[in-house]
N, C-alpha and C. Protein backbone atom coordinates (compact mmCIF):
# COMPACT_ATOMS: atom_id res chain seq x y z
N UNK A 1 106.63 115.58 94.80
CA UNK A 1 106.84 114.17 94.52
C UNK A 1 107.73 113.56 95.58
N UNK A 2 107.37 112.38 96.06
CA UNK A 2 108.18 111.71 97.06
C UNK A 2 109.41 111.05 96.45
N UNK A 3 110.17 110.44 97.30
CA UNK A 3 111.37 109.74 96.84
C UNK A 3 110.99 108.56 95.96
N UNK A 4 111.90 108.23 95.02
CA UNK A 4 111.76 107.03 94.21
C UNK A 4 112.43 105.89 94.97
N UNK A 5 111.62 104.99 95.51
CA UNK A 5 112.17 103.85 96.24
C UNK A 5 112.86 102.91 95.26
N UNK A 6 114.17 102.80 95.38
CA UNK A 6 115.01 102.18 94.37
C UNK A 6 115.78 101.01 94.95
N UNK A 7 115.69 99.87 94.25
CA UNK A 7 116.50 98.71 94.59
C UNK A 7 117.66 98.62 93.62
N UNK A 8 118.89 98.69 94.14
CA UNK A 8 120.07 98.40 93.34
C UNK A 8 120.42 96.94 93.57
N UNK A 9 120.27 96.15 92.50
CA UNK A 9 120.49 94.71 92.60
C UNK A 9 121.73 94.35 91.77
N UNK A 10 122.72 93.75 92.40
CA UNK A 10 123.97 93.43 91.71
C UNK A 10 124.44 92.04 92.08
N UNK A 11 125.10 91.39 91.12
CA UNK A 11 125.63 90.06 91.40
C UNK A 11 126.01 89.34 90.12
N UNK A 12 126.07 88.02 90.22
CA UNK A 12 126.41 87.21 89.06
C UNK A 12 127.88 86.87 89.02
N UNK A 13 128.38 86.70 87.81
CA UNK A 13 129.77 86.30 87.62
C UNK A 13 130.40 87.15 86.52
N UNK A 14 131.65 86.94 86.29
CA UNK A 14 132.45 87.56 85.22
C UNK A 14 132.85 88.99 85.56
N UNK A 15 131.89 89.88 85.75
CA UNK A 15 132.19 91.29 85.96
C UNK A 15 132.49 91.62 87.43
N UNK A 16 133.14 92.75 87.62
CA UNK A 16 133.37 93.27 88.97
C UNK A 16 132.09 93.96 89.44
N UNK A 17 131.10 93.16 89.76
CA UNK A 17 129.80 93.75 90.10
C UNK A 17 129.85 94.51 91.42
N UNK A 18 130.74 94.12 92.32
CA UNK A 18 130.84 94.88 93.57
C UNK A 18 131.37 96.29 93.31
N UNK A 19 132.46 96.37 92.53
CA UNK A 19 133.00 97.68 92.21
C UNK A 19 132.03 98.54 91.42
N UNK A 20 131.37 97.92 90.45
CA UNK A 20 130.41 98.68 89.64
C UNK A 20 129.21 99.11 90.46
N UNK A 21 128.71 98.24 91.32
CA UNK A 21 127.54 98.62 92.12
C UNK A 21 127.87 99.73 93.11
N UNK A 22 129.12 99.78 93.57
CA UNK A 22 129.54 100.89 94.44
C UNK A 22 129.41 102.22 93.71
N UNK A 23 129.89 102.26 92.46
CA UNK A 23 129.80 103.50 91.68
C UNK A 23 128.34 103.82 91.36
N UNK A 24 127.58 102.82 90.96
CA UNK A 24 126.16 103.02 90.64
C UNK A 24 125.43 103.59 91.85
N UNK A 25 125.69 103.02 93.01
CA UNK A 25 125.05 103.51 94.24
C UNK A 25 125.47 104.94 94.55
N UNK A 26 126.76 105.25 94.37
CA UNK A 26 127.24 106.61 94.61
C UNK A 26 126.57 107.60 93.65
N UNK A 27 126.47 107.23 92.38
CA UNK A 27 125.87 108.12 91.38
C UNK A 27 124.43 108.43 91.74
N UNK A 28 123.68 107.41 92.10
CA UNK A 28 122.26 107.63 92.44
C UNK A 28 122.12 108.35 93.77
N UNK A 29 123.05 108.11 94.69
CA UNK A 29 123.00 108.79 95.99
C UNK A 29 123.25 110.30 95.86
N UNK A 30 123.92 110.67 94.77
CA UNK A 30 124.21 112.09 94.55
C UNK A 30 123.01 112.86 94.02
N UNK A 31 121.91 112.18 93.80
CA UNK A 31 120.66 112.83 93.40
C UNK A 31 119.63 112.60 94.49
N UNK A 32 118.97 113.65 94.93
CA UNK A 32 118.09 113.51 96.10
C UNK A 32 116.75 112.85 95.79
N UNK A 33 116.54 112.44 94.53
CA UNK A 33 115.26 111.81 94.17
C UNK A 33 115.17 110.36 94.64
N UNK A 34 116.31 109.72 94.91
CA UNK A 34 116.32 108.27 95.11
C UNK A 34 116.50 107.88 96.57
N UNK A 35 115.69 106.97 97.02
CA UNK A 35 115.85 106.29 98.31
C UNK A 35 116.35 104.88 97.99
N UNK A 36 117.58 104.56 98.39
CA UNK A 36 118.24 103.36 97.90
C UNK A 36 118.23 102.20 98.89
N UNK A 37 118.04 101.00 98.33
CA UNK A 37 118.27 99.74 99.03
C UNK A 37 119.19 98.92 98.15
N UNK A 38 120.18 98.26 98.73
CA UNK A 38 121.12 97.46 97.95
C UNK A 38 120.96 96.00 98.35
N UNK A 39 120.80 95.14 97.35
CA UNK A 39 120.77 93.69 97.57
C UNK A 39 121.77 93.06 96.63
N UNK A 40 122.56 92.13 97.16
CA UNK A 40 123.60 91.49 96.38
C UNK A 40 123.34 90.00 96.23
N UNK A 41 123.24 89.57 94.96
CA UNK A 41 123.35 88.16 94.57
C UNK A 41 122.23 87.25 95.06
N UNK A 42 121.17 87.77 95.63
CA UNK A 42 120.08 86.94 96.13
C UNK A 42 118.88 87.08 95.21
N UNK A 43 118.76 86.18 94.24
CA UNK A 43 117.69 86.28 93.26
C UNK A 43 116.30 86.07 93.87
N UNK A 44 116.25 85.50 95.05
CA UNK A 44 114.95 85.35 95.70
C UNK A 44 114.36 86.69 96.12
N UNK A 45 115.18 87.74 96.09
CA UNK A 45 114.64 89.08 96.33
C UNK A 45 113.65 89.48 95.26
N UNK A 46 113.68 88.79 94.11
CA UNK A 46 112.78 89.12 93.00
C UNK A 46 111.42 88.44 93.11
N UNK A 47 111.31 87.47 94.00
CA UNK A 47 110.06 86.72 94.12
C UNK A 47 108.98 87.60 94.73
N UNK A 48 107.78 87.56 94.15
CA UNK A 48 106.66 88.32 94.70
C UNK A 48 106.34 87.85 96.11
N UNK A 49 106.04 88.76 97.03
CA UNK A 49 105.86 90.21 96.89
C UNK A 49 107.08 91.04 97.30
N UNK A 50 108.27 90.46 97.21
CA UNK A 50 109.46 91.12 97.76
C UNK A 50 109.79 92.45 97.09
N UNK A 51 109.38 92.63 95.83
CA UNK A 51 109.67 93.87 95.13
C UNK A 51 108.62 94.96 95.36
N UNK A 52 107.57 94.64 96.07
CA UNK A 52 106.46 95.59 96.23
C UNK A 52 106.88 96.97 96.73
N UNK A 53 107.87 97.09 97.61
CA UNK A 53 108.22 98.43 98.10
C UNK A 53 108.89 99.34 97.07
N UNK A 54 109.31 98.79 95.93
CA UNK A 54 110.21 99.53 95.05
C UNK A 54 109.51 100.08 93.81
N UNK A 55 109.82 101.33 93.50
CA UNK A 55 109.35 101.97 92.28
C UNK A 55 110.27 101.68 91.11
N UNK A 56 111.53 101.34 91.42
CA UNK A 56 112.56 101.23 90.39
C UNK A 56 113.54 100.12 90.78
N UNK A 57 113.89 99.29 89.78
CA UNK A 57 114.91 98.27 89.96
C UNK A 57 116.09 98.62 89.07
N UNK A 58 117.27 98.80 89.67
CA UNK A 58 118.51 99.07 88.92
C UNK A 58 119.33 97.79 88.98
N UNK A 59 119.64 97.24 87.81
CA UNK A 59 120.09 95.84 87.70
C UNK A 59 121.47 95.76 87.06
N UNK A 60 122.45 95.23 87.82
CA UNK A 60 123.77 94.93 87.28
C UNK A 60 124.08 93.49 87.65
N UNK A 61 123.93 92.60 86.68
CA UNK A 61 124.04 91.17 86.95
C UNK A 61 124.54 90.51 85.67
N UNK A 62 125.24 89.38 85.80
CA UNK A 62 125.75 88.69 84.62
C UNK A 62 125.44 87.20 84.68
N UNK A 63 124.98 86.68 83.55
CA UNK A 63 124.71 85.25 83.35
C UNK A 63 123.70 84.77 84.41
N UNK A 64 123.94 83.67 85.07
CA UNK A 64 123.02 83.17 86.09
C UNK A 64 121.79 82.49 85.52
N UNK A 65 121.03 81.89 86.41
CA UNK A 65 119.77 81.24 86.05
C UNK A 65 118.67 81.80 86.93
N UNK A 66 117.51 82.01 86.33
CA UNK A 66 116.37 82.57 87.04
C UNK A 66 115.24 81.56 86.99
N UNK A 67 114.62 81.28 88.14
CA UNK A 67 113.51 80.33 88.13
C UNK A 67 112.19 81.06 87.86
N UNK A 68 111.12 80.30 87.73
CA UNK A 68 109.85 80.91 87.32
C UNK A 68 109.34 81.92 88.34
N UNK A 69 109.48 81.62 89.61
CA UNK A 69 108.98 82.54 90.64
C UNK A 69 109.76 83.85 90.61
N UNK A 70 111.07 83.77 90.42
CA UNK A 70 111.91 84.97 90.34
C UNK A 70 111.59 85.76 89.08
N UNK A 71 111.51 85.07 87.94
CA UNK A 71 111.21 85.72 86.66
C UNK A 71 109.85 86.41 86.72
N UNK A 72 108.84 85.69 87.17
CA UNK A 72 107.49 86.28 87.21
C UNK A 72 107.42 87.44 88.18
N UNK A 73 108.12 87.33 89.30
CA UNK A 73 108.13 88.43 90.25
C UNK A 73 108.70 89.70 89.65
N UNK A 74 109.82 89.57 88.93
CA UNK A 74 110.46 90.74 88.32
C UNK A 74 109.64 91.29 87.17
N UNK A 75 109.28 90.43 86.22
CA UNK A 75 108.60 90.91 85.02
C UNK A 75 107.22 91.47 85.32
N UNK A 76 106.50 90.82 86.20
CA UNK A 76 105.16 91.32 86.55
C UNK A 76 105.23 92.62 87.33
N UNK A 77 106.27 92.76 88.15
CA UNK A 77 106.44 94.00 88.91
C UNK A 77 106.66 95.17 87.96
N UNK A 78 107.54 95.00 86.98
CA UNK A 78 107.80 96.08 86.03
C UNK A 78 106.56 96.36 85.19
N UNK A 79 105.91 95.33 84.70
CA UNK A 79 104.75 95.54 83.82
C UNK A 79 103.58 96.19 84.53
N UNK A 80 103.57 96.14 85.87
CA UNK A 80 102.48 96.76 86.63
C UNK A 80 102.60 98.28 86.67
N UNK A 81 103.73 98.81 86.17
CA UNK A 81 103.89 100.26 86.15
C UNK A 81 105.12 100.75 86.89
N UNK A 82 106.10 99.88 87.05
CA UNK A 82 107.34 100.25 87.72
C UNK A 82 108.46 100.45 86.70
N UNK A 83 109.65 100.81 87.19
CA UNK A 83 110.78 101.09 86.31
C UNK A 83 111.88 100.07 86.45
N UNK A 84 112.59 99.85 85.33
CA UNK A 84 113.73 98.95 85.30
C UNK A 84 114.89 99.63 84.59
N UNK A 85 116.05 99.64 85.22
CA UNK A 85 117.28 100.13 84.61
C UNK A 85 118.25 98.95 84.52
N UNK A 86 118.58 98.56 83.31
CA UNK A 86 119.56 97.51 83.09
C UNK A 86 120.88 98.10 82.65
N UNK A 87 121.96 97.72 83.32
CA UNK A 87 123.28 98.28 83.02
C UNK A 87 124.19 97.18 82.50
N UNK A 88 124.83 97.46 81.36
CA UNK A 88 125.85 96.62 80.74
C UNK A 88 125.41 95.15 80.71
N UNK A 89 125.90 94.35 81.64
CA UNK A 89 125.69 92.91 81.58
C UNK A 89 124.28 92.48 81.94
N UNK A 90 123.40 93.43 82.26
CA UNK A 90 121.98 93.07 82.40
C UNK A 90 121.45 92.47 81.11
N UNK A 91 122.10 92.79 79.98
CA UNK A 91 121.73 92.19 78.70
C UNK A 91 122.39 90.83 78.48
N UNK A 92 123.17 90.37 79.44
CA UNK A 92 123.79 89.05 79.36
C UNK A 92 123.42 88.21 80.57
N UNK A 93 122.25 88.48 81.13
CA UNK A 93 121.74 87.71 82.26
C UNK A 93 120.70 86.71 81.77
N UNK A 94 120.63 85.58 82.43
CA UNK A 94 119.54 84.62 82.26
C UNK A 94 119.36 84.26 80.78
N UNK A 95 120.43 83.70 80.20
CA UNK A 95 120.46 83.42 78.77
C UNK A 95 119.38 82.45 78.32
N UNK A 96 118.87 81.64 79.24
CA UNK A 96 117.84 80.67 78.90
C UNK A 96 116.43 81.19 79.15
N UNK A 97 116.29 82.50 79.34
CA UNK A 97 114.98 83.07 79.67
C UNK A 97 114.57 84.10 78.62
N UNK A 98 113.83 83.68 77.57
CA UNK A 98 113.46 84.63 76.52
C UNK A 98 112.54 85.74 77.01
N UNK A 99 111.75 85.49 78.04
CA UNK A 99 110.86 86.54 78.55
C UNK A 99 111.66 87.68 79.18
N UNK A 100 112.71 87.34 79.91
CA UNK A 100 113.58 88.38 80.48
C UNK A 100 114.22 89.18 79.36
N UNK A 101 114.75 88.50 78.36
CA UNK A 101 115.37 89.18 77.23
C UNK A 101 114.39 90.12 76.54
N UNK A 102 113.15 89.69 76.43
CA UNK A 102 112.13 90.54 75.80
C UNK A 102 111.89 91.80 76.61
N UNK A 103 111.89 91.67 77.93
CA UNK A 103 111.69 92.85 78.76
C UNK A 103 112.84 93.84 78.58
N UNK A 104 114.07 93.34 78.61
CA UNK A 104 115.23 94.22 78.46
C UNK A 104 115.23 94.88 77.08
N UNK A 105 114.87 94.13 76.07
CA UNK A 105 114.82 94.67 74.72
C UNK A 105 115.93 94.17 73.82
N UNK A 106 116.83 93.36 74.36
CA UNK A 106 117.92 92.82 73.57
C UNK A 106 118.84 91.99 74.44
N UNK A 107 119.81 91.33 73.80
CA UNK A 107 120.74 90.52 74.57
C UNK A 107 122.12 90.51 73.93
N UNK A 108 123.11 90.24 74.76
CA UNK A 108 124.51 90.24 74.39
C UNK A 108 124.82 89.12 73.41
N UNK A 109 125.63 89.45 72.39
CA UNK A 109 126.13 88.45 71.45
C UNK A 109 127.64 88.26 71.61
N UNK A 110 128.39 89.38 71.54
CA UNK A 110 129.85 89.33 71.67
C UNK A 110 130.35 90.74 71.97
N UNK A 111 131.67 90.87 72.04
CA UNK A 111 132.25 92.21 72.20
C UNK A 111 133.64 92.24 71.60
N UNK A 112 134.04 93.38 71.04
CA UNK A 112 135.44 93.57 70.66
C UNK A 112 136.29 93.71 71.91
N UNK A 113 137.60 93.86 71.72
CA UNK A 113 138.46 94.03 72.88
C UNK A 113 138.15 95.37 73.57
N UNK A 114 138.43 95.40 74.85
CA UNK A 114 138.25 96.60 75.67
C UNK A 114 139.08 97.72 75.06
N UNK A 115 138.44 98.84 74.71
CA UNK A 115 139.14 99.86 73.95
C UNK A 115 138.40 101.19 74.06
N UNK A 116 139.00 102.22 73.48
CA UNK A 116 138.32 103.51 73.39
C UNK A 116 137.45 103.53 72.14
N UNK A 117 136.24 104.02 72.29
CA UNK A 117 135.36 104.19 71.13
C UNK A 117 134.43 105.37 71.38
N UNK A 118 133.78 105.80 70.31
CA UNK A 118 132.95 107.00 70.36
C UNK A 118 131.48 106.64 70.45
N UNK A 119 130.78 107.33 71.33
CA UNK A 119 129.33 107.19 71.47
C UNK A 119 128.67 108.41 70.86
N UNK A 120 127.72 108.20 69.97
CA UNK A 120 126.99 109.28 69.32
C UNK A 120 125.56 109.33 69.84
N UNK A 121 125.03 110.53 69.99
CA UNK A 121 123.65 110.72 70.44
C UNK A 121 122.74 110.66 69.22
N UNK A 122 121.77 109.76 69.23
CA UNK A 122 120.88 109.60 68.09
C UNK A 122 119.50 110.22 68.33
N UNK A 123 119.20 110.56 69.57
CA UNK A 123 117.95 111.24 69.89
C UNK A 123 118.26 112.34 70.90
N UNK A 124 118.48 113.54 70.41
CA UNK A 124 118.91 114.64 71.28
C UNK A 124 117.73 115.37 71.92
N UNK A 125 116.50 114.93 71.64
CA UNK A 125 115.33 115.58 72.21
C UNK A 125 114.76 114.82 73.40
N UNK A 126 115.22 113.62 73.63
CA UNK A 126 114.73 112.84 74.77
C UNK A 126 115.31 113.42 76.05
N UNK A 127 114.54 113.44 77.15
CA UNK A 127 115.06 114.00 78.40
C UNK A 127 116.31 113.30 78.94
N UNK A 128 116.55 112.08 78.54
CA UNK A 128 117.75 111.38 79.01
C UNK A 128 119.00 111.88 78.30
N UNK A 129 118.87 112.25 77.03
CA UNK A 129 120.05 112.59 76.24
C UNK A 129 120.08 114.04 75.78
N UNK A 130 119.11 114.85 76.15
CA UNK A 130 119.11 116.23 75.70
C UNK A 130 120.37 116.95 76.20
N UNK A 131 120.91 117.80 75.34
CA UNK A 131 122.12 118.60 75.63
C UNK A 131 123.41 117.78 75.62
N UNK A 132 123.34 116.48 75.45
CA UNK A 132 124.56 115.69 75.36
C UNK A 132 125.06 115.69 73.91
N UNK A 133 126.37 115.61 73.76
CA UNK A 133 126.98 115.51 72.43
C UNK A 133 127.85 114.25 72.42
N UNK A 134 128.35 113.90 71.24
CA UNK A 134 129.14 112.68 71.14
C UNK A 134 130.33 112.74 72.10
N UNK A 135 130.71 111.58 72.60
CA UNK A 135 131.80 111.50 73.58
C UNK A 135 132.53 110.18 73.43
N UNK A 136 133.74 110.12 73.93
CA UNK A 136 134.55 108.91 73.88
C UNK A 136 134.52 108.20 75.24
N UNK A 137 134.54 106.90 75.18
CA UNK A 137 134.63 106.08 76.39
C UNK A 137 135.73 105.04 76.19
N UNK A 138 136.30 104.57 77.28
CA UNK A 138 137.14 103.38 77.26
C UNK A 138 136.38 102.31 78.02
N UNK A 139 135.88 101.34 77.30
CA UNK A 139 134.88 100.43 77.87
C UNK A 139 134.84 99.18 76.98
N UNK A 140 133.98 98.26 77.33
CA UNK A 140 133.73 97.06 76.54
C UNK A 140 132.44 97.29 75.76
N UNK A 141 132.56 97.38 74.45
CA UNK A 141 131.37 97.63 73.63
C UNK A 141 130.58 96.34 73.45
N UNK A 142 129.33 96.38 73.84
CA UNK A 142 128.47 95.22 73.66
C UNK A 142 127.88 95.21 72.25
N UNK A 143 128.02 94.06 71.59
CA UNK A 143 127.34 93.82 70.33
C UNK A 143 126.08 93.02 70.68
N UNK A 144 124.93 93.57 70.30
CA UNK A 144 123.66 93.10 70.82
C UNK A 144 122.71 92.65 69.71
N UNK A 145 121.95 91.62 69.98
CA UNK A 145 120.78 91.28 69.18
C UNK A 145 119.61 91.97 69.88
N UNK A 146 118.99 92.94 69.23
CA UNK A 146 118.00 93.76 69.92
C UNK A 146 116.73 93.91 69.11
N UNK A 147 115.67 94.22 69.80
CA UNK A 147 114.37 94.48 69.20
C UNK A 147 114.42 95.86 68.55
N UNK A 148 114.24 95.92 67.26
CA UNK A 148 114.40 97.20 66.56
C UNK A 148 113.25 98.17 66.84
N UNK A 149 112.32 97.77 67.66
CA UNK A 149 111.26 98.70 68.09
C UNK A 149 111.68 99.52 69.31
N UNK A 150 112.82 99.21 69.92
CA UNK A 150 113.27 100.03 71.04
C UNK A 150 113.62 101.42 70.54
N UNK A 151 113.58 102.40 71.43
CA UNK A 151 113.93 103.77 71.09
C UNK A 151 115.41 103.97 71.41
N UNK A 152 116.25 103.93 70.37
CA UNK A 152 117.69 104.06 70.55
C UNK A 152 118.04 105.53 70.75
N UNK A 153 118.66 105.84 71.89
CA UNK A 153 119.03 107.21 72.22
C UNK A 153 120.49 107.52 71.92
N UNK A 154 121.34 106.50 71.95
CA UNK A 154 122.77 106.68 71.66
C UNK A 154 123.30 105.39 71.06
N UNK A 155 124.33 105.52 70.22
CA UNK A 155 124.86 104.36 69.53
C UNK A 155 126.35 104.52 69.31
N UNK A 156 126.97 103.45 68.85
CA UNK A 156 128.40 103.47 68.51
C UNK A 156 128.60 102.56 67.30
N UNK A 157 129.59 102.87 66.49
CA UNK A 157 129.85 102.07 65.31
C UNK A 157 130.61 100.79 65.67
N UNK A 158 130.25 99.73 64.96
CA UNK A 158 131.01 98.49 65.04
C UNK A 158 131.06 97.90 63.64
N UNK A 159 132.25 97.84 63.08
CA UNK A 159 132.45 97.33 61.71
C UNK A 159 131.55 98.05 60.72
N UNK A 160 131.39 99.36 60.92
CA UNK A 160 130.65 100.17 59.99
C UNK A 160 129.15 100.22 60.21
N UNK A 161 128.65 99.47 61.19
CA UNK A 161 127.21 99.44 61.46
C UNK A 161 126.92 100.04 62.83
N UNK A 162 125.74 100.64 62.95
CA UNK A 162 125.32 101.21 64.21
C UNK A 162 124.96 100.11 65.21
N UNK A 163 125.45 100.26 66.44
CA UNK A 163 125.09 99.35 67.52
C UNK A 163 124.59 100.19 68.70
N UNK A 164 123.40 99.90 69.23
CA UNK A 164 122.86 100.72 70.33
C UNK A 164 123.75 100.69 71.56
N UNK A 165 123.79 101.83 72.23
CA UNK A 165 124.46 101.97 73.53
C UNK A 165 123.44 102.31 74.61
N UNK A 166 122.41 103.06 74.25
CA UNK A 166 121.35 103.46 75.19
C UNK A 166 120.02 103.30 74.49
N UNK A 167 119.06 102.69 75.19
CA UNK A 167 117.71 102.66 74.63
C UNK A 167 116.67 102.71 75.73
N UNK A 168 115.44 103.02 75.32
CA UNK A 168 114.29 102.96 76.21
C UNK A 168 113.20 102.14 75.53
N UNK A 169 112.31 101.61 76.34
CA UNK A 169 111.16 100.87 75.83
C UNK A 169 110.14 100.74 76.94
N UNK A 170 108.97 100.29 76.59
CA UNK A 170 107.93 99.99 77.58
C UNK A 170 107.88 98.49 77.84
N UNK A 171 107.42 98.15 79.03
CA UNK A 171 107.11 96.75 79.35
C UNK A 171 105.79 96.77 80.09
N UNK A 172 104.71 96.46 79.40
CA UNK A 172 103.39 96.64 79.99
C UNK A 172 103.18 98.11 80.31
N UNK A 173 102.83 98.39 81.55
CA UNK A 173 102.66 99.77 82.01
C UNK A 173 103.96 100.37 82.54
N UNK A 174 105.04 99.60 82.54
CA UNK A 174 106.30 100.06 83.10
C UNK A 174 107.26 100.56 82.04
N UNK A 175 108.37 101.10 82.50
CA UNK A 175 109.39 101.66 81.63
C UNK A 175 110.73 100.96 81.83
N UNK A 176 111.43 100.73 80.72
CA UNK A 176 112.73 100.07 80.74
C UNK A 176 113.76 101.01 80.11
N UNK A 177 114.89 101.18 80.80
CA UNK A 177 116.03 101.93 80.31
C UNK A 177 117.23 101.01 80.32
N UNK A 178 117.91 100.91 79.17
CA UNK A 178 119.11 100.06 79.11
C UNK A 178 120.31 100.91 78.72
N UNK A 179 121.42 100.71 79.48
CA UNK A 179 122.67 101.41 79.27
C UNK A 179 123.77 100.36 79.11
N UNK A 180 124.35 100.29 77.90
CA UNK A 180 125.33 99.24 77.63
C UNK A 180 126.71 99.53 78.20
N UNK A 181 126.97 100.76 78.62
CA UNK A 181 128.27 101.11 79.20
C UNK A 181 128.41 100.49 80.60
N UNK A 182 129.67 100.39 81.08
CA UNK A 182 129.88 100.01 82.47
C UNK A 182 130.49 98.64 82.70
N UNK A 183 131.51 98.29 81.91
CA UNK A 183 132.13 96.97 82.06
C UNK A 183 132.84 96.81 83.40
N UNK A 184 133.46 97.88 83.88
CA UNK A 184 134.21 97.79 85.13
C UNK A 184 134.06 99.10 85.90
N UNK A 185 134.68 99.15 87.07
CA UNK A 185 134.51 100.30 87.95
C UNK A 185 134.98 101.59 87.27
N UNK A 186 136.12 101.51 86.58
CA UNK A 186 136.64 102.71 85.92
C UNK A 186 135.68 103.20 84.84
N UNK A 187 135.13 102.30 84.07
CA UNK A 187 134.17 102.70 83.03
C UNK A 187 132.94 103.34 83.64
N UNK A 188 132.52 102.85 84.78
CA UNK A 188 131.33 103.41 85.46
C UNK A 188 131.60 104.81 86.02
N UNK A 189 132.87 105.18 86.12
CA UNK A 189 133.22 106.49 86.67
C UNK A 189 133.25 107.58 85.61
N UNK A 190 132.94 107.26 84.37
CA UNK A 190 132.89 108.26 83.30
C UNK A 190 131.76 109.25 83.61
N UNK A 191 132.01 110.53 83.38
CA UNK A 191 131.01 111.55 83.70
C UNK A 191 129.69 111.31 83.00
N UNK A 192 129.74 110.91 81.73
CA UNK A 192 128.49 110.72 80.99
C UNK A 192 127.77 109.43 81.38
N UNK A 193 128.50 108.47 81.92
CA UNK A 193 127.83 107.31 82.51
C UNK A 193 126.93 107.78 83.65
N UNK A 194 127.46 108.65 84.50
CA UNK A 194 126.68 109.16 85.63
C UNK A 194 125.47 109.95 85.16
N UNK A 195 125.65 110.81 84.16
CA UNK A 195 124.53 111.60 83.65
C UNK A 195 123.45 110.70 83.09
N UNK A 196 123.85 109.74 82.25
CA UNK A 196 122.88 108.85 81.63
C UNK A 196 122.18 107.98 82.67
N UNK A 197 122.92 107.50 83.65
CA UNK A 197 122.32 106.66 84.69
C UNK A 197 121.30 107.45 85.50
N UNK A 198 121.68 108.64 85.96
CA UNK A 198 120.74 109.44 86.74
C UNK A 198 119.48 109.78 85.95
N UNK A 199 119.67 110.26 84.74
CA UNK A 199 118.52 110.65 83.92
C UNK A 199 117.66 109.44 83.54
N UNK A 200 118.32 108.34 83.20
CA UNK A 200 117.57 107.14 82.86
C UNK A 200 116.78 106.60 84.02
N UNK A 201 117.38 106.65 85.21
CA UNK A 201 116.67 106.19 86.41
C UNK A 201 115.49 107.09 86.74
N UNK A 202 115.67 108.39 86.58
CA UNK A 202 114.55 109.32 86.79
C UNK A 202 113.42 109.05 85.81
N UNK A 203 113.79 108.85 84.54
CA UNK A 203 112.78 108.60 83.52
C UNK A 203 112.02 107.30 83.80
N UNK A 204 112.75 106.26 84.11
CA UNK A 204 112.11 104.96 84.34
C UNK A 204 111.33 104.92 85.64
N UNK A 205 111.83 105.65 86.65
CA UNK A 205 111.26 105.54 87.98
C UNK A 205 110.09 106.45 88.30
N UNK A 206 109.85 107.45 87.44
CA UNK A 206 108.78 108.40 87.76
C UNK A 206 107.54 108.22 86.92
N UNK A 207 107.69 107.72 85.68
CA UNK A 207 106.57 107.58 84.74
C UNK A 207 105.87 108.91 84.49
N UNK A 208 106.59 110.01 84.69
CA UNK A 208 105.96 111.33 84.54
C UNK A 208 106.59 112.19 83.45
N UNK A 209 107.85 111.94 83.09
CA UNK A 209 108.51 112.81 82.11
C UNK A 209 108.24 112.33 80.69
């Protein structure tokens, strides 16, 4: 199998997307499956046919507005059989675009204060989460409105209710992996963040596992 041609796309506002994208790039660079290209803050990179070279889009972006050409370029590219990895604030991008939210599988509602909390594995047989056990993170927990048809792989409690932390879903012929962890550079440096990101990117980018 050849390299997975991967676009790491980062930008937006609120979060330290530069610091987080540095860690994301380092994590993926540590696996020889990925051939990386990094683009920062230029949403026109999503316009067709600009995404044609890429098998996988890794997305760390917050808020912003997406126009029809950018939206259609991204969504159609993934649905054609490509992979999408959304990290943390990818679920808080393009709030006025329901089609983007549908592709991701959910969207940000609110968050408690930045704190330590426990992540539990809810599907230990999936290749992304196999052999992982519950672990603690110090991060910003996203409270999400999500499509209950997504395959939740890991979750955390919030006020006594389960809230997804990791999920997978399909988008047309493509695959979507969402990881809610990663509010800042330090959170992205957690060992299990790296494991989940690498495995999720492999799963989304190969369409073979």
